[in-house]
């Protein structure tokens, strides 16, 4: 039986509180890429969950990027 890959077991949401916007943006891209990998490589019913995670990480990254740009203006 093939074991499904787990999403970052070290993920701790509280770590995000101490990150700068730029660091937070990088983390969002990192987690999005990880979810994207799982979405394209899994052959289970978990695929849709990973696809949704990709969308959510992308939306969060877009919001953070917009905030960074507004702050710089």
Protein backbone atom coordinates (compact mmCIF):
# COMPACT_ATOMS: atom_id res chain seq x y z
CA UNK A 1 0.00 0.00 0.00
CA UNK A 2 1.44 3.37 -1.03
CA UNK A 3 1.69 5.90 1.79
CA UNK A 4 0.42 9.39 0.96
CA UNK A 5 2.77 12.30 1.47
CA UNK A 6 1.96 14.43 4.48
CA UNK A 7 1.74 18.20 4.40
CA UNK A 8 4.65 19.79 6.25
CA UNK A 9 4.55 18.10 9.65
CA UNK A 10 6.53 21.01 11.06
CA UNK A 11 3.92 23.61 10.06
CA UNK A 12 3.16 25.96 12.96
CA UNK A 13 0.85 28.84 12.23
CA UNK A 14 2.19 30.86 15.14
CA UNK A 15 5.54 31.13 13.34
CA UNK A 16 3.84 33.43 10.85
CA UNK A 17 3.29 36.06 13.54
CA UNK A 18 7.00 36.87 13.75
CA UNK A 19 7.70 37.06 10.00
CA UNK A 20 8.11 40.21 7.97
CA UNK A 21 5.68 40.58 5.05
CA UNK A 22 8.44 39.58 2.64
CA UNK A 23 9.27 36.47 4.68
CA UNK A 24 5.59 35.64 4.96
CA UNK A 25 5.23 35.94 1.20
CA UNK A 26 8.15 33.55 0.68
CA UNK A 27 6.57 31.03 3.09
CA UNK A 28 3.26 31.23 1.21
CA UNK A 29 5.06 30.49 -2.05
CA UNK A 30 6.91 27.61 -0.40
CA UNK A 31 3.76 26.01 0.98
CA UNK A 32 1.89 26.61 -2.28
CA UNK A 33 4.63 24.83 -4.22
CA UNK A 34 4.55 21.92 -1.80
CA UNK A 35 0.78 21.58 -2.12
CA UNK A 36 1.09 21.86 -5.90
CA UNK A 37 3.57 18.98 -5.94
CA UNK A 38 1.21 16.83 -3.91
CA UNK A 39 -1.75 17.82 -6.11
CA UNK A 40 0.06 16.69 -9.24
CA UNK A 41 1.57 13.51 -7.85
CA UNK A 42 -1.13 11.97 -5.68
CA UNK A 43 -3.56 9.47 -7.12
CA UNK A 44 -6.08 9.64 -4.33
CA UNK A 45 -9.15 11.55 -3.31
CA UNK A 46 -6.75 13.91 -1.50
CA UNK A 47 -5.88 15.54 -4.83
CA UNK A 48 -8.79 18.00 -4.64
CA UNK A 49 -7.80 19.01 -1.10
CA UNK A 50 -4.29 19.81 -2.34
CA UNK A 51 -5.71 21.76 -5.30
CA UNK A 52 -7.74 23.83 -2.85
CA UNK A 53 -4.66 24.43 -0.70
CA UNK A 54 -2.79 25.68 -3.78
CA UNK A 55 -5.61 28.15 -4.44
CA UNK A 56 -5.71 29.36 -0.84
CA UNK A 57 -1.94 29.81 -0.54
CA UNK A 58 -2.00 31.70 -3.85
CA UNK A 59 -4.77 34.03 -2.65
CA UNK A 60 -2.94 34.72 0.59
CA UNK A 61 0.30 35.40 -1.30
CA UNK A 62 -1.52 37.82 -3.62
CA UNK A 63 -2.98 39.70 -0.65
CA UNK A 64 0.42 39.94 1.02
CA UNK A 65 2.07 41.09 -2.22
CA UNK A 66 -0.58 43.80 -2.63
CA UNK A 67 0.07 44.95 0.94
CA UNK A 68 3.81 45.10 0.32
CA UNK A 69 3.24 47.17 -2.82
CA UNK A 70 0.85 49.56 -1.05
CA UNK A 71 3.34 49.99 1.80
CA UNK A 72 6.12 50.82 -0.67
CA UNK A 73 4.04 53.39 -2.56
